[in-house]
Amino acid sequence: MLAEREIATMRCIEMNALSVPTWIVHITSVAEWIAAIWFVWLYAEVSGRLAWRALSFGMLPALVSAMCACTWHFFDNAPALSWLVTLQAAMTVIGNCTACAAAWWIWRQAQPSEN
């Protein structure tokens, strides 16, 4: 039988079972997405094309989705947190729709006005 200390050590190893390179990809992807949201917002301000702000807002649900994935993996895909998988899927769908709506809004605002 394994001693309690060995079991605790094994649980620590199991937690975060993703490899270090995989964790780097997960964390940098979230950071990259945050930077992209910020750069799109800055582009809207600098260019004066404020419709681009819609894309910044439209990207937020995808960020929530990514954070759900990282949280679930951090806690070793705990069954008690399985609702995060559902939330991640929902945020992915919503994020795709909001990004699409934002792209449409940007396109619409770029059309010459009919006067």
PDB file of N, CA and C in Angstrom:
ATOM      1  N   MET A   1       0.843  -1.186   0.000  1.00  0.00           N
ATOM      2  CA  MET A   1       0.000   0.000   0.000  1.00  0.00           C
ATOM      3  C   MET A   1       0.888   1.249   0.000  1.00  0.00           C
ATOM      4  N   LEU A   2       0.423   2.213  -0.703  1.00  0.00           N
ATOM      5  CA  LEU A   2       1.160   3.462  -0.763  1.00  0.00           C
ATOM      6  C   LEU A   2       0.856   4.308   0.467  1.00  0.00           C
ATOM      7  N   ALA A   3       1.851   4.931   0.976  1.00  0.00           N
ATOM      8  CA  ALA A   3       1.665   5.829   2.106  1.00  0.00           C
ATOM      9  C   ALA A   3       0.902   7.058   1.640  1.00  0.00           C
ATOM     10  N   GLU A   4       0.260   7.732   2.582  1.00  0.00           N
ATOM     11  CA  GLU A   4      -0.524   8.921   2.237  1.00  0.00           C
ATOM     12  C   GLU A   4       0.331   9.985   1.562  1.00  0.00           C
ATOM     13  N   ARG A   5       1.552  10.106   1.998  1.00  0.00           N
ATOM     14  CA  ARG A   5       2.441  11.104   1.414  1.00  0.00           C
ATOM     15  C   ARG A   5       2.725  10.792  -0.056  1.00  0.00           C
ATOM     16  N   GLU A   6       2.925   9.519  -0.375  1.00  0.00           N
ATOM     17  CA  GLU A   6       3.171   9.136  -1.762  1.00  0.00           C
ATOM     18  C   GLU A   6       1.935   9.376  -2.615  1.00  0.00           C
ATOM     19  N   ILE A   7       0.776   9.108  -2.052  1.00  0.00           N
ATOM     20  CA  ILE A   7      -0.472   9.344  -2.780  1.00  0.00           C
ATOM     21  C   ILE A   7      -0.637  10.836  -3.041  1.00  0.00           C
ATOM     22  N   ALA A   8      -0.352  11.650  -2.020  1.00  0.00           N
ATOM     23  CA  ALA A   8      -0.442  13.104  -2.191  1.00  0.00           C
ATOM     24  C   ALA A   8       0.529  13.576  -3.266  1.00  0.00           C
ATOM     25  N   THR A   9       1.734  13.010  -3.282  1.00  0.00           N
ATOM     26  CA  THR A   9       2.725  13.375  -4.283  1.00  0.00           C
ATOM     27  C   THR A   9       2.236  12.992  -5.673  1.00  0.00           C
ATOM     28  N   MET A  10       1.644  11.807  -5.793  1.00  0.00           N
ATOM     29  CA  MET A  10       1.128  11.369  -7.087  1.00  0.00           C
ATOM     30  C   MET A  10       0.004  12.292  -7.551  1.00  0.00           C
ATOM     31  N   ARG A  11      -0.837  12.732  -6.612  1.00  0.00           N
ATOM     32  CA  ARG A  11      -1.916  13.645  -6.991  1.00  0.00           C
ATOM     33  C   ARG A  11      -1.358  14.966  -7.495  1.00  0.00           C
ATOM     34  N   CYS A  12      -0.296  15.444  -6.867  1.00  0.00           N
ATOM     35  CA  CYS A  12       0.336  16.684  -7.331  1.00  0.00           C
ATOM     36  C   CYS A  12       0.893  16.506  -8.732  1.00  0.00           C
ATOM     37  N   ILE A  13       1.441  15.339  -8.994  1.00  0.00           N
ATOM     38  CA  ILE A  13       1.983  15.072 -10.327  1.00  0.00           C
ATOM     39  C   ILE A  13       0.843  14.965 -11.332  1.00  0.00           C
ATOM     40  N   GLU A  14      -0.271  14.331 -10.905  1.00  0.00           N
ATOM     41  CA  GLU A  14      -1.415  14.197 -11.804  1.00  0.00           C
ATOM     42  C   GLU A  14      -2.006  15.557 -12.124  1.00  0.00           C
ATOM     43  N   MET A  15      -2.097  16.406 -11.077  1.00  0.00           N
ATOM     44  CA  MET A  15      -2.602  17.741 -11.321  1.00  0.00           C
ATOM     45  C   MET A  15      -1.665  18.412 -12.316  1.00  0.00           C
ATOM     46  N   ASN A  16      -2.238  19.119 -13.210  1.00  0.00           N
ATOM     47  CA  ASN A  16      -1.434  19.756 -14.241  1.00  0.00           C
ATOM     48  C   ASN A  16      -0.728  18.701 -15.091  1.00  0.00           C
ATOM     49  N   ALA A  17      -1.425  17.624 -15.384  1.00  0.00           N
ATOM     50  CA  ALA A  17      -0.838  16.516 -16.130  1.00  0.00           C
ATOM     51  C   ALA A  17      -0.404  16.925 -17.538  1.00  0.00           C
ATOM     52  N   LEU A  18      -0.809  18.107 -17.966  1.00  0.00           N
ATOM     53  CA  LEU A  18      -0.351  18.560 -19.266  1.00  0.00           C
ATOM     54  C   LEU A  18       1.153  18.811 -19.198  1.00  0.00           C
ATOM     55  N   SER A  19       1.808  18.611 -20.299  1.00  0.00           N
ATOM     56  CA  SER A  19       3.255  18.837 -20.331  1.00  0.00           C
ATOM     57  C   SER A  19       3.557  20.332 -20.228  1.00  0.00           C
ATOM     58  N   VAL A  20       4.770  20.651 -19.862  1.00  0.00           N
ATOM     59  CA  VAL A  20       5.184  22.057 -19.742  1.00  0.00           C
ATOM     60  C   VAL A  20       5.000  22.794 -21.075  1.00  0.00           C
ATOM     61  N   PRO A  21       5.436  22.219 -22.204  1.00  0.00           N
ATOM     62  CA  PRO A  21       5.204  22.924 -23.475  1.00  0.00           C
ATOM     63  C   PRO A  21       3.713  23.164 -23.763  1.00  0.00           C
ATOM     64  N   THR A  22       2.876  22.219 -23.387  1.00  0.00           N
ATOM     65  CA  THR A  22       1.435  22.392 -23.603  1.00  0.00           C
ATOM     66  C   THR A  22       0.902  23.519 -22.736  1.00  0.00           C
ATOM     67  N   TRP A  23       1.367  23.580 -21.488  1.00  0.00           N
ATOM     68  CA  TRP A  23       0.965  24.682 -20.610  1.00  0.00           C
ATOM     69  C   TRP A  23       1.440  26.018 -21.177  1.00  0.00           C
ATOM     70  N   ILE A  24       2.631  26.052 -21.716  1.00  0.00           N
ATOM     71  CA  ILE A  24       3.154  27.293 -22.307  1.00  0.00           C
ATOM     72  C   ILE A  24       2.249  27.748 -23.447  1.00  0.00           C
ATOM     73  N   VAL A  25       1.829  26.800 -24.269  1.00  0.00           N
ATOM     74  CA  VAL A  25       0.933  27.135 -25.378  1.00  0.00           C
ATOM     75  C   VAL A  25      -0.396  27.656 -24.846  1.00  0.00           C
ATOM     76  N   HIS A  26      -0.963  26.994 -23.842  1.00  0.00           N
ATOM     77  CA  HIS A  26      -2.237  27.428 -23.273  1.00  0.00           C
ATOM     78  C   HIS A  26      -2.131  28.852 -22.716  1.00  0.00           C
ATOM     79  N   ILE A  27      -1.125  29.086 -21.897  1.00  0.00           N
ATOM     80  CA  ILE A  27      -0.994  30.378 -21.221  1.00  0.00           C
ATOM     81  C   ILE A  27      -0.661  31.492 -22.212  1.00  0.00           C
ATOM     82  N   THR A  28       0.242  31.219 -23.134  1.00  0.00           N
ATOM     83  CA  THR A  28       0.589  32.263 -24.102  1.00  0.00           C
ATOM     84  C   THR A  28      -0.562  32.538 -25.070  1.00  0.00           C
ATOM     85  N   SER A  29      -1.377  31.548 -25.342  1.00  0.00           N
ATOM     86  CA  SER A  29      -2.546  31.775 -26.202  1.00  0.00           C
ATOM     87  C   SER A  29      -3.531  32.732 -25.536  1.00  0.00           C
ATOM     88  N   VAL A  30      -3.739  32.558 -24.235  1.00  0.00           N
ATOM     89  CA  VAL A  30      -4.624  33.469 -23.506  1.00  0.00           C
ATOM     90  C   VAL A  30      -4.015  34.875 -23.501  1.00  0.00           C
ATOM     91  N   ALA A  31      -2.729  34.970 -23.222  1.00  0.00           N
ATOM     92  CA  ALA A  31      -2.062  36.277 -23.211  1.00  0.00           C
ATOM     93  C   ALA A  31      -2.122  36.929 -24.597  1.00  0.00           C
ATOM     94  N   GLU A  32      -1.920  36.125 -25.628  1.00  0.00           N
ATOM     95  CA  GLU A  32      -1.975  36.630 -26.997  1.00  0.00           C
ATOM     96  C   GLU A  32      -3.372  37.151 -27.333  1.00  0.00           C
ATOM     97  N   TRP A  33      -4.393  36.456 -26.877  1.00  0.00           N
ATOM     98  CA  TRP A  33      -5.768  36.866 -27.146  1.00  0.00           C
ATOM     99  C   TRP A  33      -6.073  38.188 -26.445  1.00  0.00           C
ATOM    100  N   ILE A  34      -5.585  38.325 -25.202  1.00  0.00           N
ATOM    101  CA  ILE A  34      -5.764  39.585 -24.477  1.00  0.00           C
ATOM    102  C   ILE A  34      -5.072  40.711 -25.236  1.00  0.00           C
ATOM    103  N   ALA A  35      -3.858  40.467 -25.696  1.00  0.00           N
ATOM    104  CA  ALA A  35      -3.120  41.480 -26.459  1.00  0.00           C
ATOM    105  C   ALA A  35      -3.863  41.828 -27.749  1.00  0.00           C
ATOM    106  N   ALA A  36      -4.409  40.835 -28.425  1.00  0.00           N
ATOM    107  CA  ALA A  36      -5.139  41.089 -29.678  1.00  0.00           C
ATOM    108  C   ALA A  36      -6.362  41.972 -29.424  1.00  0.00           C
ATOM    109  N   ILE A  37      -7.083  41.690 -28.346  1.00  0.00           N
ATOM    110  CA  ILE A  37      -8.245  42.511 -27.998  1.00  0.00           C
ATOM    111  C   ILE A  37      -7.810  43.955 -27.773  1.00  0.00           C
ATOM    112  N   TRP A  38      -6.714  44.114 -27.050  1.00  0.00           N
ATOM    113  CA  TRP A  38      -6.207  45.459 -26.753  1.00  0.00           C
ATOM    114  C   TRP A  38      -5.735  46.166 -28.027  1.00  0.00           C
ATOM    115  N   PHE A  39      -5.021  45.453 -28.895  1.00  0.00           N
ATOM    116  CA  PHE A  39      -4.539  46.065 -30.138  1.00  0.00           C
ATOM    117  C   PHE A  39      -5.687  46.463 -31.070  1.00  0.00           C
ATOM    118  N   VAL A  40      -6.727  45.652 -31.120  1.00  0.00           N
ATOM    119  CA  VAL A  40      -7.888  46.016 -31.944  1.00  0.00           C
ATOM    120  C   VAL A  40      -8.523  47.290 -31.392  1.00  0.00           C
ATOM    121  N   TRP A  41      -8.619  47.381 -30.070  1.00  0.00           N
ATOM    122  CA  TRP A  41      -9.187  48.580 -29.447  1.00  0.00           C
ATOM    123  C   TRP A  41      -8.328  49.812 -29.774  1.00  0.00           C
ATOM    124  N   LEU A  42      -7.008  49.643 -29.653  1.00  0.00           N
ATOM    125  CA  LEU A  42      -6.108  50.748 -29.982  1.00  0.00           C
ATOM    126  C   LEU A  42      -6.230  51.147 -31.452  1.00  0.00           C
ATOM    127  N   TYR A  43      -6.345  50.166 -32.333  1.00  0.00           N
ATOM    128  CA  TYR A  43      -6.512  50.459 -33.754  1.00  0.00           C
ATOM    129  C   TYR A  43      -7.762  51.305 -33.979  1.00  0.00           C
ATOM    130  N   ALA A  44      -8.837  50.975 -33.285  1.00  0.00           N
ATOM    131  CA  ALA A  44     -10.081  51.740 -33.413  1.00  0.00           C
ATOM    132  C   ALA A  44      -9.861  53.192 -33.008  1.00  0.00           C
ATOM    133  N   GLU A  45      -9.130  53.394 -31.923  1.00  0.00           N
ATOM    134  CA  GLU A  45      -8.876  54.755 -31.448  1.00  0.00           C
ATOM    135  C   GLU A  45      -7.960  55.527 -32.395  1.00  0.00           C
ATOM    136  N   VAL A  46      -6.868  54.886 -32.809  1.00  0.00           N
ATOM    137  CA  VAL A  46      -5.881  55.565 -33.650  1.00  0.00           C
ATOM    138  C   VAL A  46      -6.441  55.866 -35.038  1.00  0.00           C
ATOM    139  N   SER A  47      -7.164  54.925 -35.597  1.00  0.00           N
ATOM    140  CA  SER A  47      -7.679  55.091 -36.955  1.00  0.00           C
ATOM    141  C   SER A  47      -8.959  55.918 -37.005  1.00  0.00           C
ATOM    142  N   GLY A  48      -9.607  56.056 -35.864  1.00  0.00           N
ATOM    143  CA  GLY A  48     -10.890  56.766 -35.850  1.00  0.00           C
ATOM    144  C   GLY A  48     -12.036  55.908 -36.348  1.00  0.00           C
ATOM    145  N   ARG A  49     -11.757  54.658 -36.614  1.00  0.00           N
ATOM    146  CA  ARG A  49     -12.796  53.719 -37.071  1.00  0.00           C
ATOM    147  C   ARG A  49     -13.349  52.992 -35.839  1.00  0.00           C
ATOM    148  N   LEU A  50     -14.237  53.652 -35.151  1.00  0.00           N
ATOM    149  CA  LEU A  50     -14.712  53.157 -33.862  1.00  0.00           C
ATOM    150  C   LEU A  50     -15.527  51.873 -33.971  1.00  0.00           C
ATOM    151  N   ALA A  51     -15.964  51.519 -35.167  1.00  0.00           N
ATOM    152  CA  ALA A  51     -16.692  50.257 -35.344  1.00  0.00           C
ATOM    153  C   ALA A  51     -15.820  49.066 -34.956  1.00  0.00           C
ATOM    154  N   TRP A  52     -14.510  49.242 -35.020  1.00  0.00           N
ATOM    155  CA  TRP A  52     -13.601  48.153 -34.661  1.00  0.00           C
ATOM    156  C   TRP A  52     -13.675  47.804 -33.184  1.00  0.00           C
ATOM    157  N   ARG A  53     -14.176  48.721 -32.365  1.00  0.00           N
ATOM    158  CA  ARG A  53     -14.346  48.393 -30.942  1.00  0.00           C
ATOM    159  C   ARG A  53     -15.296  47.214 -30.763  1.00  0.00           C
ATOM    160  N   ALA A  54     -16.239  47.091 -31.678  1.00  0.00           N
ATOM    161  CA  ALA A  54     -17.178  45.969 -31.602  1.00  0.00           C
ATOM    162  C   ALA A  54     -16.437  44.642 -31.656  1.00  0.00           C
ATOM    163  N   LEU A  55     -15.358  44.595 -32.438  1.00  0.00           N
ATOM    164  CA  LEU A  55     -14.583  43.359 -32.523  1.00  0.00           C
ATOM    165  C   LEU A  55     -13.913  43.050 -31.188  1.00  0.00           C
ATOM    166  N   SER A  56     -13.431  44.085 -30.503  1.00  0.00           N
ATOM    167  CA  SER A  56     -12.836  43.856 -29.181  1.00  0.00           C
ATOM    168  C   SER A  56     -13.844  43.199 -28.244  1.00  0.00           C
ATOM    169  N   PHE A  57     -15.059  43.732 -28.238  1.00  0.00           N
ATOM    170  CA  PHE A  57     -16.102  43.136 -27.396  1.00  0.00           C
ATOM    171  C   PHE A  57     -16.486  41.751 -27.896  1.00  0.00           C
ATOM    172  N   GLY A  58     -16.514  41.591 -29.215  1.00  0.00           N
ATOM    173  CA  GLY A  58     -16.869  40.304 -29.794  1.00  0.00           C
ATOM    174  C   GLY A  58     -15.867  39.205 -29.498  1.00  0.00           C
ATOM    175  N   MET A  59     -14.645  39.586 -29.194  1.00  0.00           N
ATOM    176  CA  MET A  59     -13.594  38.602 -28.891  1.00  0.00           C
ATOM    177  C   MET A  59     -13.620  38.132 -27.432  1.00  0.00           C
ATOM    178  N   LEU A  60     -14.327  38.838 -26.572  1.00  0.00           N
ATOM    179  CA  LEU A  60     -14.332  38.500 -25.144  1.00  0.00           C
ATOM    180  C   LEU A  60     -14.885  37.109 -24.818  1.00  0.00           C
ATOM    181  N   PRO A  61     -15.984  36.667 -25.450  1.00  0.00           N
ATOM    182  CA  PRO A  61     -16.456  35.316 -25.127  1.00  0.00           C
ATOM    183  C   PRO A  61     -15.429  34.224 -25.443  1.00  0.00           C
ATOM    184  N   ALA A  62     -14.653  34.400 -26.491  1.00  0.00           N
ATOM    185  CA  ALA A  62     -13.606  33.419 -26.813  1.00  0.00           C
ATOM    186  C   ALA A  62     -12.519  33.425 -25.738  1.00  0.00           C
ATOM    187  N   LEU A  63     -12.258  34.585 -25.167  1.00  0.00           N
ATOM    188  CA  LEU A  63     -11.296  34.667 -24.064  1.00  0.00           C
ATOM    189  C   LEU A  63     -11.821  33.916 -22.845  1.00  0.00           C
ATOM    190  N   VAL A  64     -13.088  34.084 -22.545  1.00  0.00           N
ATOM    191  CA  VAL A  64     -13.699  33.340 -21.437  1.00  0.00           C
ATOM    192  C   VAL A  64     -13.597  31.841 -21.699  1.00  0.00           C
ATOM    193  N   SER A  65     -13.824  31.436 -22.930  1.00  0.00           N
ATOM    194  CA  SER A  65     -13.713  30.028 -23.305  1.00  0.00           C
ATOM    195  C   SER A  65     -12.311  29.489 -23.024  1.00  0.00           C
ATOM    196  N   ALA A  66     -11.312  30.238 -23.425  1.00  0.00           N
ATOM    197  CA  ALA A  66      -9.927  29.816 -23.200  1.00  0.00           C
ATOM    198  C   ALA A  66      -9.601  29.730 -21.715  1.00  0.00           C
ATOM    199  N   MET A  67     -10.114  30.675 -20.958  1.00  0.00           N
ATOM    200  CA  MET A  67      -9.857  30.664 -19.518  1.00  0.00           C
ATOM    201  C   MET A  67     -10.553  29.481 -18.842  1.00  0.00           C
ATOM    202  N   CYS A  68     -11.714  29.096 -19.351  1.00  0.00           N
ATOM    203  CA  CYS A  68     -12.397  27.902 -18.835  1.00  0.00           C
ATOM    204  C   CYS A  68     -11.537  26.661 -19.058  1.00  0.00           C
ATOM    205  N   ALA A  69     -10.968  26.541 -20.248  1.00  0.00           N
ATOM    206  CA  ALA A  69     -10.123  25.382 -20.562  1.00  0.00           C
ATOM    207  C   ALA A  69      -8.907  25.332 -19.647  1.00  0.00           C
ATOM    208  N   CYS A  70      -8.255  26.464 -19.481  1.00  0.00           N
ATOM    209  CA  CYS A  70      -7.062  26.500 -18.611  1.00  0.00           C
ATOM    210  C   CYS A  70      -7.422  26.160 -17.171  1.00  0.00           C
ATOM    211  N   THR A  71      -8.532  26.682 -16.692  1.00  0.00           N
ATOM    212  CA  THR A  71      -8.954  26.402 -15.319  1.00  0.00           C
ATOM    213  C   THR A  71      -9.244  24.928 -15.134  1.00  0.00           C
ATOM    214  N   TRP A  72      -9.950  24.340 -16.080  1.00  0.00           N
ATOM    215  CA  TRP A  72     -10.304  22.923 -15.956  1.00  0.00           C
ATOM    216  C   TRP A  72      -9.056  22.050 -15.973  1.00  0.00           C
ATOM    217  N   HIS A  73      -8.128  22.361 -16.857  1.00  0.00           N
ATOM    218  CA  HIS A  73      -6.882  21.592 -16.900  1.00  0.00           C
ATOM    219  C   HIS A  73      -6.041  21.805 -15.647  1.00  0.00           C
ATOM    220  N   PHE A  74      -6.039  23.029 -15.110  1.00  0.00           N
ATOM    221  CA  PHE A  74      -5.258  23.309 -13.908  1.00  0.00           C
ATOM    222  C   PHE A  74      -5.714  22.428 -12.754  1.00  0.00           C
ATOM    223  N   PHE A  75      -7.016  22.189 -12.692  1.00  0.00           N
ATOM    224  CA  PHE A  75      -7.562  21.337 -11.630  1.00  0.00           C
ATOM    225  C   PHE A  75      -7.713  19.890 -12.092  1.00  0.00           C
ATOM    226  N   ASP A  76      -6.841  19.484 -13.016  1.00  0.00           N
ATOM    227  CA  ASP A  76      -6.735  18.093 -13.452  1.00  0.00           C
ATOM    228  C   ASP A  76      -8.052  17.528 -13.974  1.00  0.00           C
ATOM    229  N   ASN A  77      -8.772  18.334 -14.719  1.00  0.00           N
ATOM    230  CA  ASN A  77     -10.025  17.896 -15.339  1.00  0.00           C
ATOM    231  C   ASN A  77     -10.981  17.286 -14.306  1.00  0.00           C
ATOM    232  N   ALA A  78     -11.075  17.934 -13.155  1.00  0.00           N
ATOM    233  CA  ALA A  78     -11.892  17.422 -12.049  1.00  0.00           C
ATOM    234  C   ALA A  78     -13.349  17.280 -12.470  1.00  0.00           C
ATOM    235  N   PRO A  79     -13.943  16.123 -12.188  1.00  0.00           N
ATOM    236  CA  PRO A  79     -15.357  15.919 -12.535  1.00  0.00           C
ATOM    237  C   PRO A  79     -16.276  16.975 -11.918  1.00  0.00           C
ATOM    238  N   ALA A  80     -15.915  17.477 -10.744  1.00  0.00           N
ATOM    239  CA  ALA A  80     -16.735  18.501 -10.092  1.00  0.00           C
ATOM    240  C   ALA A  80     -16.770  19.797 -10.901  1.00  0.00           C
ATOM    241  N   LEU A  81     -15.797  19.969 -11.780  1.00  0.00           N
ATOM    242  CA  LEU A  81     -15.730  21.174 -12.603  1.00  0.00           C
ATOM    243  C   LEU A  81     -16.115  20.901 -14.056  1.00  0.00           C
ATOM    244  N   SER A  82     -16.791  19.804 -14.291  1.00  0.00           N
ATOM    245  CA  SER A  82     -17.137  19.455 -15.674  1.00  0.00           C
ATOM    246  C   SER A  82     -18.047  20.495 -16.320  1.00  0.00           C
ATOM    247  N   TRP A  83     -18.730  21.285 -15.509  1.00  0.00           N
ATOM    248  CA  TRP A  83     -19.570  22.352 -16.056  1.00  0.00           C
ATOM    249  C   TRP A  83     -18.727  23.366 -16.831  1.00  0.00           C
ATOM    250  N   LEU A  84     -17.430  23.431 -16.530  1.00  0.00           N
ATOM    251  CA  LEU A  84     -16.550  24.335 -17.274  1.00  0.00           C
ATOM    252  C   LEU A  84     -16.454  23.939 -18.742  1.00  0.00           C
ATOM    253  N   VAL A  85     -16.546  22.643 -19.004  1.00  0.00           N
ATOM    254  CA  VAL A  85     -16.494  22.174 -20.391  1.00  0.00           C
ATOM    255  C   VAL A  85     -17.720  22.678 -21.150  1.00  0.00           C
ATOM    256  N   THR A  86     -18.871  22.611 -20.497  1.00  0.00           N
ATOM    257  CA  THR A  86     -20.102  23.104 -21.114  1.00  0.00           C
ATOM    258  C   THR A  86     -20.026  24.610 -21.325  1.00  0.00           C
ATOM    259  N   LEU A  87     -19.527  25.314 -20.312  1.00  0.00           N
ATOM    260  CA  LEU A  87     -19.379  26.761 -20.437  1.00  0.00           C
ATOM    261  C   LEU A  87     -18.387  27.113 -21.538  1.00  0.00           C
ATOM    262  N   GLN A  88     -17.310  26.350 -21.626  1.00  0.00           N
ATOM    263  CA  GLN A  88     -16.319  26.597 -22.674  1.00  0.00           C
ATOM    264  C   GLN A  88     -16.948  26.429 -24.053  1.00  0.00           C
ATOM    265  N   ALA A  89     -17.702  25.355 -24.230  1.00  0.00           N
ATOM    266  CA  ALA A  89     -18.348  25.127 -25.525  1.00  0.00           C
ATOM    267  C   ALA A  89     -19.326  26.253 -25.861  1.00  0.00           C
ATOM    268  N   ALA A  90     -20.120  26.662 -24.873  1.00  0.00           N
ATOM    269  CA  ALA A  90     -21.090  27.738 -25.098  1.00  0.00           C
ATOM    270  C   ALA A  90     -20.380  29.045 -25.444  1.00  0.00           C
ATOM    271  N   MET A  91     -19.325  29.349 -24.727  1.00  0.00           N
ATOM    272  CA  MET A  91     -18.587  30.594 -24.985  1.00  0.00           C
ATOM    273  C   MET A  91     -17.903  30.561 -26.347  1.00  0.00           C
ATOM    274  N   THR A  92     -17.492  29.374 -26.798  1.00  0.00           N
ATOM    275  CA  THR A  92     -16.901  29.258 -28.128  1.00  0.00           C
ATOM    276  C   THR A  92     -17.941  29.585 -29.197  1.00  0.00           C
ATOM    277  N   VAL A  93     -19.140  29.027 -29.062  1.00  0.00           N
ATOM    278  CA  VAL A  93     -20.213  29.297 -30.028  1.00  0.00           C
ATOM    279  C   VAL A  93     -20.601  30.772 -29.988  1.00  0.00           C
ATOM    280  N   ILE A  94     -20.797  31.287 -28.780  1.00  0.00           N
ATOM    281  CA  ILE A  94     -21.171  32.702 -28.643  1.00  0.00           C
ATOM    282  C   ILE A  94     -20.066  33.590 -29.198  1.00  0.00           C
ATOM    283  N   GLY A  95     -18.813  33.254 -28.891  1.00  0.00           N
ATOM    284  CA  GLY A  95     -17.684  34.039 -29.388  1.00  0.00           C
ATOM    285  C   GLY A  95     -17.591  34.036 -30.902  1.00  0.00           C
ATOM    286  N   ASN A  96     -17.860  32.898 -31.515  1.00  0.00           N
ATOM    287  CA  ASN A  96     -17.857  32.840 -32.980  1.00  0.00           C
ATOM    288  C   ASN A  96     -18.958  33.738 -33.555  1.00  0.00           C
ATOM    289  N   CYS A  97     -20.114  33.714 -32.915  1.00  0.00           N
ATOM    290  CA  CYS A  97     -21.231  34.539 -33.386  1.00  0.00           C
ATOM    291  C   CYS A  97     -20.959  36.022 -33.170  1.00  0.00           C
ATOM    292  N   THR A  98     -20.403  36.385 -32.000  1.00  0.00           N
ATOM    293  CA  THR A  98     -20.142  37.802 -31.746  1.00  0.00           C
ATOM    294  C   THR A  98     -19.009  38.335 -32.626  1.00  0.00           C
ATOM    295  N   ALA A  99     -18.015  37.517 -32.904  1.00  0.00           N
ATOM    296  CA  ALA A  99     -16.939  37.945 -33.809  1.00  0.00           C
ATOM    297  C   ALA A  99     -17.488  38.128 -35.221  1.00  0.00           C
ATOM    298  N   CYS A 100     -18.379  37.241 -35.621  1.00  0.00           N
ATOM    299  CA  CYS A 100     -19.007  37.356 -36.946  1.00  0.00           C
ATOM    300  C   CYS A 100     -19.861  38.624 -37.010  1.00  0.00           C
ATOM    301  N   ALA A 101     -20.641  38.875 -35.964  1.00  0.00           N
ATOM    302  CA  ALA A 101     -21.478  40.080 -35.930  1.00  0.00           C
ATOM    303  C   ALA A 101     -20.609  41.337 -35.951  1.00  0.00           C
ATOM    304  N   ALA A 102     -19.505  41.308 -35.236  1.00  0.00           N
ATOM    305  CA  ALA A 102     -18.600  42.468 -35.216  1.00  0.00           C
ATOM    306  C   ALA A 102     -17.991  42.692 -36.597  1.00  0.00           C
ATOM    307  N   ALA A 103     -17.618  41.619 -37.273  1.00  0.00           N
ATOM    308  CA  ALA A 103     -17.060  41.752 -38.630  1.00  0.00           C
ATOM    309  C   ALA A 103     -18.102  42.341 -39.574  1.00  0.00           C
ATOM    310  N   TRP A 104     -19.345  41.892 -39.427  1.00  0.00           N
ATOM    311  CA  TRP A 104     -20.418  42.459 -40.243  1.00  0.00           C
ATOM    312  C   TRP A 104     -20.567  43.943 -39.945  1.00  0.00           C
ATOM    313  N   TRP A 105     -20.537  44.315 -38.661  1.00  0.00           N
ATOM    314  CA  TRP A 105     -20.692  45.716 -38.270  1.00  0.00           C
ATOM    315  C   TRP A 105     -19.563  46.583 -38.852  1.00  0.00           C
ATOM    316  N   ILE A 106     -18.350  46.065 -38.790  1.00  0.00           N
ATOM    317  CA  ILE A 106     -17.203  46.791 -39.367  1.00  0.00           C
ATOM    318  C   ILE A 106     -17.409  46.989 -40.867  1.00  0.00           C
ATOM    319  N   TRP A 107     -17.827  45.925 -41.549  1.00  0.00           N
ATOM    320  CA  TRP A 107     -18.080  46.003 -42.984  1.00  0.00           C
ATOM    321  C   TRP A 107     -19.181  47.027 -43.279  1.00  0.00           C
ATOM    322  N   ARG A 108     -20.260  46.960 -42.520  1.00  0.00           N
ATOM    323  CA  ARG A 108     -21.393  47.863 -42.747  1.00  0.00           C
ATOM    324  C   ARG A 108     -20.986  49.323 -42.542  1.00  0.00           C
ATOM    325  N   GLN A 109     -20.206  49.580 -41.511  1.00  0.00           N
ATOM    326  CA  GLN A 109     -19.776  50.954 -41.238  1.00  0.00           C
ATOM    327  C   GLN A 109     -18.790  51.469 -42.291  1.00  0.00           C
ATOM    328  N   ALA A 110     -18.123  50.557 -42.994  1.00  0.00           N
ATOM    329  CA  ALA A 110     -17.156  50.957 -44.025  1.00  0.00           C
ATOM    330  C   ALA A 110     -17.827  51.263 -45.363  1.00  0.00           C
ATOM    331  N   GLN A 111     -19.111  50.900 -45.497  1.00  0.00           N
ATOM    332  CA  GLN A 111     -19.826  51.155 -46.746  1.00  0.00           C
ATOM    333  C   GLN A 111     -20.110  52.640 -46.891  1.00  0.00           C
ATOM    334  N   PRO A 112     -20.016  53.149 -48.103  1.00  0.00           N
ATOM    335  CA  PRO A 112     -20.321  54.573 -48.301  1.00  0.00           C
ATOM    336  C   PRO A 112     -21.787  54.826 -47.975  1.00  0.00           C
ATOM    337  N   SER A 113     -22.026  55.959 -47.330  1.00  0.00           N
ATOM    338  CA  SER A 113     -23.413  56.282 -46.972  1.00  0.00           C
ATOM    339  C   SER A 113     -24.195  56.694 -48.211  1.00  0.00           C
ATOM    340  N   GLU A 114     -25.466  56.384 -48.208  1.00  0.00           N
ATOM    341  CA  GLU A 114     -26.331  56.679 -49.359  1.00  0.00           C
ATOM    342  C   GLU A 114     -27.016  58.018 -49.114  1.00  0.00           C
ATOM    343  N   ASN A 115     -26.476  59.057 -49.655  1.00  0.00           N
ATOM    344  CA  ASN A 115     -27.079  60.405 -49.521  1.00  0.00           C
ATOM    345  C   ASN A 115     -27.502  60.924 -50.855  1.00  0.00           C
TER     346      ASN A 115
END
